[in-house]
C-alpha cells in the first residue's frame, strides 16, 4: 500500500522528498511496466478498489457518490475514472 505523504516527508531529506514527489507525479500507472506497479494494481482490484487516474494510489469506495479523492488529494469520478467527470454520474449514489 502507498505510504502516507506525511510519513514519507518525515523520513526523507528535502532533496529526497522532492525527487519522490517528482517520481509520483510523473509515473503513469496505466502504462507502467514495473512488476511492483502491476502487482499493486492487482491487489487494488482484488480488494474491489480502483486506482487514482493521476497518481495510481488505490482507493476503495465504501458508500456515497462517485466523487472520490485519493490520499494525495487528486479528485476523480469513480465511475469514469476521469479528473473531470465525462459520464455525468459523479454525484449519483449507489
PDB file of N, CA and C in Angstrom:
ATOM      1  N   UNK A   1       0.833  -1.192   0.000  1.00  0.00           N
ATOM      2  CA  UNK A   1       0.000   0.000   0.000  1.00  0.00           C
ATOM      3  C   UNK A   1       0.877   1.253   0.000  1.00  0.00           C
ATOM      4  N   UNK A   2       0.317   2.315  -0.474  1.00  0.00           N
ATOM      5  CA  UNK A   2       1.031   3.588  -0.552  1.00  0.00           C
ATOM      6  C   UNK A   2       1.228   4.150   0.854  1.00  0.00           C
ATOM      7  N   UNK A   3       2.396   4.697   1.106  1.00  0.00           N
ATOM      8  CA  UNK A   3       2.684   5.298   2.411  1.00  0.00           C
ATOM      9  C   UNK A   3       2.085   6.695   2.480  1.00  0.00           C
ATOM     10  N   UNK A   4       1.624   7.110   3.654  1.00  0.00           N
ATOM     11  CA  UNK A   4       1.110   8.475   3.803  1.00  0.00           C
ATOM     12  C   UNK A   4       2.202   9.497   3.496  1.00  0.00           C
ATOM     13  N   UNK A   5       1.843  10.549   2.784  1.00  0.00           N
ATOM     14  CA  UNK A   5       2.797  11.579   2.377  1.00  0.00           C
ATOM     15  C   UNK A   5       3.505  12.175   3.582  1.00  0.00           C
ATOM     16  N   UNK A   6       2.783  12.377   4.688  1.00  0.00           N
ATOM     17  CA  UNK A   6       3.388  12.970   5.883  1.00  0.00           C
ATOM     18  C   UNK A   6       4.526  12.097   6.406  1.00  0.00           C
ATOM     19  N   UNK A   7       4.316  10.777   6.365  1.00  0.00           N
ATOM     20  CA  UNK A   7       5.356   9.859   6.831  1.00  0.00           C
ATOM     21  C   UNK A   7       6.569   9.912   5.906  1.00  0.00           C
ATOM     22  N   UNK A   8       6.326   9.844   4.602  1.00  0.00           N
ATOM     23  CA  UNK A   8       7.426   9.881   3.634  1.00  0.00           C
ATOM     24  C   UNK A   8       8.243  11.156   3.822  1.00  0.00           C
ATOM     25  N   UNK A   9       7.552  12.271   3.999  1.00  0.00           N
ATOM     26  CA  UNK A   9       8.234  13.558   4.181  1.00  0.00           C
ATOM     27  C   UNK A   9       9.081  13.559   5.454  1.00  0.00           C
ATOM     28  N   UNK A  10       8.604  12.876   6.493  1.00  0.00           N
ATOM     29  CA  UNK A  10       9.323  12.886   7.773  1.00  0.00           C
ATOM     30  C   UNK A  10      10.599  12.043   7.754  1.00  0.00           C
ATOM     31  N   UNK A  11      10.691  11.056   6.859  1.00  0.00           N
ATOM     32  CA  UNK A  11      11.862  10.176   6.853  1.00  0.00           C
ATOM     33  C   UNK A  11      12.863  10.486   5.738  1.00  0.00           C
ATOM     34  N   UNK A  12      12.501  11.360   4.816  1.00  0.00           N
ATOM     35  CA  UNK A  12      13.410  11.713   3.726  1.00  0.00           C
ATOM     36  C   UNK A  12      13.967  13.116   3.912  1.00  0.00           C
ATOM     37  N   UNK A  13      15.129  13.347   3.314  1.00  0.00           N
ATOM     38  CA  UNK A  13      15.650  14.715   3.285  1.00  0.00           C
ATOM     39  C   UNK A  13      14.785  15.515   2.315  1.00  0.00           C
ATOM     40  N   UNK A  14      14.910  16.829   2.345  1.00  0.00           N
ATOM     41  CA  UNK A  14      14.119  17.663   1.440  1.00  0.00           C
ATOM     42  C   UNK A  14      14.390  17.292  -0.017  1.00  0.00           C
ATOM     43  N   UNK A  15      15.651  17.082  -0.363  1.00  0.00           N
ATOM     44  CA  UNK A  15      16.011  16.714  -1.736  1.00  0.00           C
ATOM     45  C   UNK A  15      15.390  15.373  -2.125  1.00  0.00           C
ATOM     46  N   UNK A  16      15.473  14.395  -1.222  1.00  0.00           N
ATOM     47  CA  UNK A  16      14.891  13.080  -1.498  1.00  0.00           C
ATOM     48  C   UNK A  16      13.375  13.175  -1.643  1.00  0.00           C
ATOM     49  N   UNK A  17      12.740  13.973  -0.780  1.00  0.00           N
ATOM     50  CA  UNK A  17      11.289  14.117  -0.851  1.00  0.00           C
ATOM     51  C   UNK A  17      10.876  14.788  -2.159  1.00  0.00           C
ATOM     52  N   UNK A  18      11.629  15.793  -2.591  1.00  0.00           N
ATOM     53  CA  UNK A  18      11.341  16.449  -3.871  1.00  0.00           C
ATOM     54  C   UNK A  18      11.447  15.448  -5.023  1.00  0.00           C
ATOM     55  N   UNK A  19      12.461  14.581  -4.977  1.00  0.00           N
ATOM     56  CA  UNK A  19      12.618  13.545  -6.006  1.00  0.00           C
ATOM     57  C   UNK A  19      11.447  12.565  -5.959  1.00  0.00           C
ATOM     58  N   UNK A  20      11.041  12.183  -4.753  1.00  0.00           N
ATOM     59  CA  UNK A  20       9.907  11.272  -4.580  1.00  0.00           C
ATOM     60  C   UNK A  20       8.640  11.875  -5.180  1.00  0.00           C
ATOM     61  N   UNK A  21       8.369  13.143  -4.883  1.00  0.00           N
ATOM     62  CA  UNK A  21       7.174  13.797  -5.414  1.00  0.00           C
ATOM     63  C   UNK A  21       7.222  13.875  -6.936  1.00  0.00           C
ATOM     64  N   UNK A  22       8.397  14.161  -7.479  1.00  0.00           N
ATOM     65  CA  UNK A  22       8.548  14.216  -8.933  1.00  0.00           C
ATOM     66  C   UNK A  22       8.257  12.842  -9.540  1.00  0.00           C
ATOM     67  N   UNK A  23       8.785  11.788  -8.923  1.00  0.00           N
ATOM     68  CA  UNK A  23       8.546  10.426  -9.411  1.00  0.00           C
ATOM     69  C   UNK A  23       7.055  10.095  -9.392  1.00  0.00           C
ATOM     70  N   UNK A  24       6.396  10.374  -8.280  1.00  0.00           N
ATOM     71  CA  UNK A  24       4.974  10.060  -8.149  1.00  0.00           C
ATOM     72  C   UNK A  24       4.155  10.831  -9.179  1.00  0.00           C
ATOM     73  N   UNK A  25       4.491  12.095  -9.398  1.00  0.00           N
ATOM     74  CA  UNK A  25       3.702  12.902 -10.330  1.00  0.00           C
ATOM     75  C   UNK A  25       3.962  12.534 -11.790  1.00  0.00           C
ATOM     76  N   UNK A  26       5.152  12.009 -12.103  1.00  0.00           N
ATOM     77  CA  UNK A  26       5.484  11.694 -13.492  1.00  0.00           C
ATOM     78  C   UNK A  26       5.122  10.269 -13.897  1.00  0.00           C
ATOM     79  N   UNK A  27       4.962   9.392 -12.949  1.00  0.00           N
ATOM     80  CA  UNK A  27       4.704   7.995 -13.298  1.00  0.00           C
ATOM     81  C   UNK A  27       3.248   7.846 -13.722  1.00  0.00           C
ATOM     82  N   UNK A  28       3.026   7.055 -14.730  1.00  0.00           N
ATOM     83  CA  UNK A  28       1.680   6.822 -15.248  1.00  0.00           C
ATOM     84  C   UNK A  28       1.274   5.396 -14.906  1.00  0.00           C
ATOM     85  N   UNK A  29       0.365   5.228 -13.936  1.00  0.00           N
ATOM     86  CA  UNK A  29       0.002   3.878 -13.503  1.00  0.00           C
ATOM     87  C   UNK A  29      -0.659   3.046 -14.597  1.00  0.00           C
ATOM     88  N   UNK A  30      -1.230   3.699 -15.611  1.00  0.00           N
ATOM     89  CA  UNK A  30      -1.913   2.959 -16.674  1.00  0.00           C
ATOM     90  C   UNK A  30      -0.936   2.296 -17.646  1.00  0.00           C
ATOM     91  N   UNK A  31       0.273   2.831 -17.763  1.00  0.00           N
ATOM     92  CA  UNK A  31       1.229   2.294 -18.733  1.00  0.00           C
ATOM     93  C   UNK A  31       2.495   1.741 -18.086  1.00  0.00           C
ATOM     94  N   UNK A  32       2.537   1.688 -16.781  1.00  0.00           N
ATOM     95  CA  UNK A  32       3.736   1.222 -16.089  1.00  0.00           C
ATOM     96  C   UNK A  32       4.017  -0.243 -16.402  1.00  0.00           C
ATOM     97  N   UNK A  33       5.285  -0.549 -16.623  1.00  0.00           N
ATOM     98  CA  UNK A  33       5.696  -1.933 -16.847  1.00  0.00           C
ATOM     99  C   UNK A  33       6.450  -2.495 -15.644  1.00  0.00           C
ATOM    100  N   UNK A  34       6.546  -1.704 -14.566  1.00  0.00           N
ATOM    101  CA  UNK A  34       7.208  -2.199 -13.360  1.00  0.00           C
ATOM    102  C   UNK A  34       6.372  -3.308 -12.737  1.00  0.00           C
ATOM    103  N   UNK A  35       6.998  -4.413 -12.392  1.00  0.00           N
ATOM    104  CA  UNK A  35       6.268  -5.524 -11.784  1.00  0.00           C
ATOM    105  C   UNK A  35       5.592  -5.084 -10.490  1.00  0.00           C
ATOM    106  N   UNK A  36       6.258  -4.252  -9.706  1.00  0.00           N
ATOM    107  CA  UNK A  36       5.666  -3.806  -8.444  1.00  0.00           C
ATOM    108  C   UNK A  36       4.384  -3.009  -8.693  1.00  0.00           C
ATOM    109  N   UNK A  37       4.349  -2.182  -9.746  1.00  0.00           N
ATOM    110  CA  UNK A  37       3.134  -1.429 -10.064  1.00  0.00           C
ATOM    111  C   UNK A  37       2.029  -2.364 -10.538  1.00  0.00           C
ATOM    112  N   UNK A  38       2.381  -3.379 -11.318  1.00  0.00           N
ATOM    113  CA  UNK A  38       1.392  -4.345 -11.790  1.00  0.00           C
ATOM    114  C   UNK A  38       0.845  -5.171 -10.631  1.00  0.00           C
ATOM    115  N   UNK A  39       1.718  -5.573  -9.711  1.00  0.00           N
ATOM    116  CA  UNK A  39       1.282  -6.323  -8.529  1.00  0.00           C
ATOM    117  C   UNK A  39       0.369  -5.467  -7.660  1.00  0.00           C
ATOM    118  N   UNK A  40       0.734  -4.195  -7.486  1.00  0.00           N
ATOM    119  CA  UNK A  40      -0.079  -3.279  -6.684  1.00  0.00           C
ATOM    120  C   UNK A  40      -1.458  -3.119  -7.312  1.00  0.00           C
ATOM    121  N   UNK A  41      -1.514  -2.953  -8.630  1.00  0.00           N
ATOM    122  CA  UNK A  41      -2.798  -2.810  -9.325  1.00  0.00           C
ATOM    123  C   UNK A  41      -3.661  -4.050  -9.113  1.00  0.00           C
ATOM    124  N   UNK A  42      -3.048  -5.224  -9.122  1.00  0.00           N
ATOM    125  CA  UNK A  42      -3.792  -6.467  -8.903  1.00  0.00           C
ATOM    126  C   UNK A  42      -4.366  -6.524  -7.491  1.00  0.00           C
ATOM    127  N   UNK A  43      -3.604  -6.080  -6.500  1.00  0.00           N
ATOM    128  CA  UNK A  43      -4.088  -6.055  -5.111  1.00  0.00           C
ATOM    129  C   UNK A  43      -5.263  -5.088  -4.983  1.00  0.00           C
ATOM    130  N   UNK A  44      -5.154  -3.927  -5.609  1.00  0.00           N
ATOM    131  CA  UNK A  44      -6.240  -2.940  -5.557  1.00  0.00           C
ATOM    132  C   UNK A  44      -7.506  -3.547  -6.157  1.00  0.00           C
ATOM    133  N   UNK A  45      -7.400  -4.167  -7.333  1.00  0.00           N
ATOM    134  CA  UNK A  45      -8.571  -4.779  -7.982  1.00  0.00           C
ATOM    135  C   UNK A  45      -9.150  -5.905  -7.126  1.00  0.00           C
ATOM    136  N   UNK A  46      -8.288  -6.714  -6.524  1.00  0.00           N
ATOM    137  CA  UNK A  46      -8.740  -7.832  -5.687  1.00  0.00           C
ATOM    138  C   UNK A  46      -9.582  -7.326  -4.514  1.00  0.00           C
ATOM    139  N   UNK A  47      -9.251  -6.139  -4.015  1.00  0.00           N
ATOM    140  CA  UNK A  47      -9.983  -5.545  -2.896  1.00  0.00           C
ATOM    141  C   UNK A  47     -11.120  -4.637  -3.350  1.00  0.00           C
ATOM    142  N   UNK A  48     -11.548  -4.815  -4.606  1.00  0.00           N
ATOM    143  CA  UNK A  48     -12.666  -4.059  -5.191  1.00  0.00           C
ATOM    144  C   UNK A  48     -12.401  -2.562  -5.216  1.00  0.00           C
ATOM    145  N   UNK A  49     -11.141  -2.208  -5.381  1.00  0.00           N
ATOM    146  CA  UNK A  49     -10.762  -0.803  -5.468  1.00  0.00           C
ATOM    147  C   UNK A  49     -10.432  -0.404  -6.887  1.00  0.00           C
ATOM    148  N   UNK A  50     -10.148   0.858  -7.039  1.00  0.00           N
ATOM    149  CA  UNK A  50      -9.697   1.412  -8.315  1.00  0.00           C
ATOM    150  C   UNK A  50      -8.508   2.301  -8.013  1.00  0.00           C
ATOM    151  N   UNK A  51      -7.720   2.586  -9.045  1.00  0.00           N
ATOM    152  CA  UNK A  51      -6.550   3.436  -8.861  1.00  0.00           C
ATOM    153  C   UNK A  51      -6.832   4.849  -9.337  1.00  0.00           C
ATOM    154  N   UNK A  52      -6.318   5.807  -8.581  1.00  0.00           N
ATOM    155  CA  UNK A  52      -6.423   7.211  -8.966  1.00  0.00           C
ATOM    156  C   UNK A  52      -5.839   7.360 -10.371  1.00  0.00           C
ATOM    157  N   UNK A  53      -6.562   8.017 -11.286  1.00  0.00           N
ATOM    158  CA  UNK A  53      -6.053   8.165 -12.651  1.00  0.00           C
ATOM    159  C   UNK A  53      -4.848   9.094 -12.750  1.00  0.00           C
ATOM    160  N   UNK A  54      -4.571   9.866 -11.708  1.00  0.00           N
ATOM    161  CA  UNK A  54      -3.443  10.795 -11.735  1.00  0.00           C
ATOM    162  C   UNK A  54      -2.178  10.139 -11.190  1.00  0.00           C
ATOM    163  N   UNK A  55      -2.270   9.530  -9.998  1.00  0.00           N
ATOM    164  CA  UNK A  55      -1.061   9.017  -9.341  1.00  0.00           C
ATOM    165  C   UNK A  55      -1.039   7.506  -9.152  1.00  0.00           C
ATOM    166  N   UNK A  56      -2.170   6.841  -9.323  1.00  0.00           N
ATOM    167  CA  UNK A  56      -2.205   5.391  -9.199  1.00  0.00           C
ATOM    168  C   UNK A  56      -2.445   4.851  -7.810  1.00  0.00           C
ATOM    169  N   UNK A  57      -2.614   5.716  -6.829  1.00  0.00           N
ATOM    170  CA  UNK A  57      -2.883   5.250  -5.468  1.00  0.00           C
ATOM    171  C   UNK A  57      -4.240   4.552  -5.438  1.00  0.00           C
ATOM    172  N   UNK A  58      -4.291   3.417  -4.752  1.00  0.00           N
ATOM    173  CA  UNK A  58      -5.526   2.661  -4.652  1.00  0.00           C
ATOM    174  C   UNK A  58      -6.542   3.335  -3.749  1.00  0.00           C
ATOM    175  N   UNK A  59      -7.802   3.286  -4.195  1.00  0.00           N
ATOM    176  CA  UNK A  59      -8.912   3.869  -3.445  1.00  0.00           C
ATOM    177  C   UNK A  59     -10.021   2.828  -3.414  1.00  0.00           C
ATOM    178  N   UNK A  60     -10.626   2.633  -2.253  1.00  0.00           N
ATOM    179  CA  UNK A  60     -11.759   1.729  -2.118  1.00  0.00           C
ATOM    180  C   UNK A  60     -12.968   2.559  -1.729  1.00  0.00           C
ATOM    181  N   UNK A  61     -14.049   2.396  -2.479  1.00  0.00           N
ATOM    182  CA  UNK A  61     -15.283   3.140  -2.207  1.00  0.00           C
ATOM    183  C   UNK A  61     -16.134   2.325  -1.243  1.00  0.00           C
ATOM    184  N   UNK A  62     -16.542   2.954  -0.153  1.00  0.00           N
ATOM    185  CA  UNK A  62     -17.372   2.281   0.841  1.00  0.00           C
ATOM    186  C   UNK A  62     -18.839   2.626   0.619  1.00  0.00           C
ATOM    187  N   UNK A  63     -19.131   3.898   0.407  1.00  0.00           N
ATOM    188  CA  UNK A  63     -20.505   4.351   0.195  1.00  0.00           C
ATOM    189  C   UNK A  63     -20.463   5.760  -0.367  1.00  0.00           C
ATOM    190  N   UNK A  64     -21.617   6.255  -0.763  1.00  0.00           N
ATOM    191  CA  UNK A  64     -21.712   7.640  -1.207  1.00  0.00           C
ATOM    192  C   UNK A  64     -21.689   7.800  -2.708  1.00  0.00           C
ATOM    193  N   UNK A  65     -21.498   9.034  -3.125  1.00  0.00           N
ATOM    194  CA  UNK A  65     -21.499   9.353  -4.553  1.00  0.00           C
ATOM    195  C   UNK A  65     -20.181   8.920  -5.196  1.00  0.00           C
ATOM    196  N   UNK A  66     -20.068   9.159  -6.481  1.00  0.00           N
ATOM    197  CA  UNK A  66     -18.890   8.731  -7.231  1.00  0.00           C
ATOM    198  C   UNK A  66     -17.727   9.724  -7.153  1.00  0.00           C
ATOM    199  N   UNK A  67     -17.900  10.853  -6.466  1.00  0.00           N
ATOM    200  CA  UNK A  67     -16.818  11.837  -6.320  1.00  0.00           C
ATOM    201  C   UNK A  67     -15.799  11.290  -5.326  1.00  0.00           C
ATOM    202  N   UNK A  68     -14.573  11.059  -5.793  1.00  0.00           N
ATOM    203  CA  UNK A  68     -13.535  10.447  -4.970  1.00  0.00           C
ATOM    204  C   UNK A  68     -12.340  11.380  -4.851  1.00  0.00           C
ATOM    205  N   UNK A  69     -11.528  11.135  -3.816  1.00  0.00           N
ATOM    206  CA  UNK A  69     -10.283  11.877  -3.629  1.00  0.00           C
ATOM    207  C   UNK A  69      -9.265  10.881  -3.071  1.00  0.00           C
ATOM    208  N   UNK A  70      -8.111  10.762  -3.729  1.00  0.00           N
ATOM    209  CA  UNK A  70      -7.076   9.843  -3.246  1.00  0.00           C
ATOM    210  C   UNK A  70      -6.336  10.488  -2.074  1.00  0.00           C
ATOM    211  N   UNK A  71      -5.426   9.742  -1.467  1.00  0.00           N
ATOM    212  CA  UNK A  71      -4.717  10.264  -0.295  1.00  0.00           C
ATOM    213  C   UNK A  71      -3.755  11.401  -0.635  1.00  0.00           C
ATOM    214  N   UNK A  72      -3.462  11.609  -1.916  1.00  0.00           N
ATOM    215  CA  UNK A  72      -2.643  12.755  -2.321  1.00  0.00           C
ATOM    216  C   UNK A  72      -3.505  13.959  -2.688  1.00  0.00           C
ATOM    217  N   UNK A  73      -4.833  13.789  -2.624  1.00  0.00           N
ATOM    218  CA  UNK A  73      -5.739  14.909  -2.865  1.00  0.00           C
ATOM    219  C   UNK A  73      -6.258  15.047  -4.281  1.00  0.00           C
ATOM    220  N   UNK A  74      -5.951  14.110  -5.163  1.00  0.00           N
ATOM    221  CA  UNK A  74      -6.457  14.186  -6.532  1.00  0.00           C
ATOM    222  C   UNK A  74      -7.925  13.766  -6.566  1.00  0.00           C
ATOM    223  N   UNK A  75      -8.763  14.591  -7.162  1.00  0.00           N
ATOM    224  CA  UNK A  75     -10.180  14.281  -7.278  1.00  0.00           C
ATOM    225  C   UNK A  75     -10.473  13.588  -8.598  1.00  0.00           C
ATOM    226  N   UNK A  76     -11.428  12.646  -8.567  1.00  0.00           N
ATOM    227  CA  UNK A  76     -11.822  11.954  -9.797  1.00  0.00           C
ATOM    228  C   UNK A  76     -13.178  11.285  -9.602  1.00  0.00           C
ATOM    229  N   UNK A  77     -13.776  10.888 -10.718  1.00  0.00           N
ATOM    230  CA  UNK A  77     -15.065  10.193 -10.707  1.00  0.00           C
ATOM    231  C   UNK A  77     -14.817   8.691 -10.645  1.00  0.00           C
ATOM    232  N   UNK A  78     -15.437   8.017  -9.675  1.00  0.00           N
ATOM    233  CA  UNK A  78     -15.294   6.570  -9.503  1.00  0.00           C
ATOM    234  C   UNK A  78     -15.802   5.819 -10.731  1.00  0.00           C
ATOM    235  N   UNK A  79     -16.834   6.334 -11.370  1.00  0.00           N
ATOM    236  CA  UNK A  79     -17.463   5.635 -12.483  1.00  0.00           C
ATOM    237  C   UNK A  79     -16.627   5.688 -13.762  1.00  0.00           C
ATOM    238  N   UNK A  80     -16.186   6.876 -14.165  1.00  0.00           N
ATOM    239  CA  UNK A  80     -15.461   7.015 -15.437  1.00  0.00           C
ATOM    240  C   UNK A  80     -13.951   7.180 -15.255  1.00  0.00           C
ATOM    241  N   UNK A  81     -13.489   7.307 -14.007  1.00  0.00           N
ATOM    242  CA  UNK A  81     -12.065   7.463 -13.684  1.00  0.00           C
ATOM    243  C   UNK A  81     -11.424   8.655 -14.392  1.00  0.00           C
ATOM    244  N   UNK A  82     -12.156   9.751 -14.482  1.00  0.00           N
ATOM    245  CA  UNK A  82     -11.637  10.976 -15.085  1.00  0.00           C
ATOM    246  C   UNK A  82     -11.560  12.061 -14.020  1.00  0.00           C
ATOM    247  N   UNK A  83     -10.542  12.916 -14.128  1.00  0.00           N
ATOM    248  CA  UNK A  83     -10.424  14.039 -13.192  1.00  0.00           C
ATOM    249  C   UNK A  83     -11.600  14.991 -13.349  1.00  0.00           C
ATOM    250  N   UNK A  84     -12.024  15.193 -14.580  1.00  0.00           N
ATOM    251  CA  UNK A  84     -13.242  15.959 -14.861  1.00  0.00           C
ATOM    252  C   UNK A  84     -14.237  14.949 -15.403  1.00  0.00           C
ATOM    253  N   UNK A  85     -15.305  14.717 -14.661  1.00  0.00           N
ATOM    254  CA  UNK A  85     -16.271  13.666 -14.983  1.00  0.00           C
ATOM    255  C   UNK A  85     -16.812  13.816 -16.405  1.00  0.00           C
ATOM    256  N   UNK A  86     -16.772  12.708 -17.145  1.00  0.00           N
ATOM    257  CA  UNK A  86     -17.314  12.691 -18.502  1.00  0.00           C
ATOM    258  C   UNK A  86     -18.572  11.836 -18.607  1.00  0.00           C
ATOM    259  N   UNK A  87     -18.931  11.146 -17.529  1.00  0.00           N
ATOM    260  CA  UNK A  87     -20.090  10.248 -17.587  1.00  0.00           C
ATOM    261  C   UNK A  87     -21.363  10.878 -17.032  1.00  0.00           C
ATOM    262  N   UNK A  88     -21.227  11.985 -16.313  1.00  0.00           N
ATOM    263  CA  UNK A  88     -22.400  12.643 -15.743  1.00  0.00           C
ATOM    264  C   UNK A  88     -22.957  11.977 -14.496  1.00  0.00           C
ATOM    265  N   UNK A  89     -22.254  11.000 -13.938  1.00  0.00           N
ATOM    266  CA  UNK A  89     -22.772  10.269 -12.774  1.00  0.00           C
ATOM    267  C   UNK A  89     -22.018  10.571 -11.485  1.00  0.00           C
ATOM    268  N   UNK A  90     -21.158  11.573 -11.474  1.00  0.00           N
ATOM    269  CA  UNK A  90     -20.280  11.813 -10.327  1.00  0.00           C
ATOM    270  C   UNK A  90     -21.043  12.022  -9.019  1.00  0.00           C
ATOM    271  N   UNK A  91     -22.220  12.625  -9.061  1.00  0.00           N
ATOM    272  CA  UNK A  91     -22.957  12.877  -7.820  1.00  0.00           C
ATOM    273  C   UNK A  91     -24.118  11.911  -7.612  1.00  0.00           C
ATOM    274  N   UNK A  92     -24.160  10.830  -8.368  1.00  0.00           N
ATOM    275  CA  UNK A  92     -25.168   9.795  -8.153  1.00  0.00           C
ATOM    276  C   UNK A  92     -24.677   8.846  -7.066  1.00  0.00           C
ATOM    277  N   UNK A  93     -25.604   8.313  -6.320  1.00  0.00           N
ATOM    278  CA  UNK A  93     -25.278   7.366  -5.246  1.00  0.00           C
ATOM    279  C   UNK A  93     -25.631   5.966  -5.693  1.00  0.00           C
ATOM    280  N   UNK A  94     -24.912   4.982  -5.166  1.00  0.00           N
ATOM    281  CA  UNK A  94     -25.273   3.597  -5.472  1.00  0.00           C
ATOM    282  C   UNK A  94     -25.454   2.819  -4.208  1.00  0.00           C
TER     283      UNK A  94
END
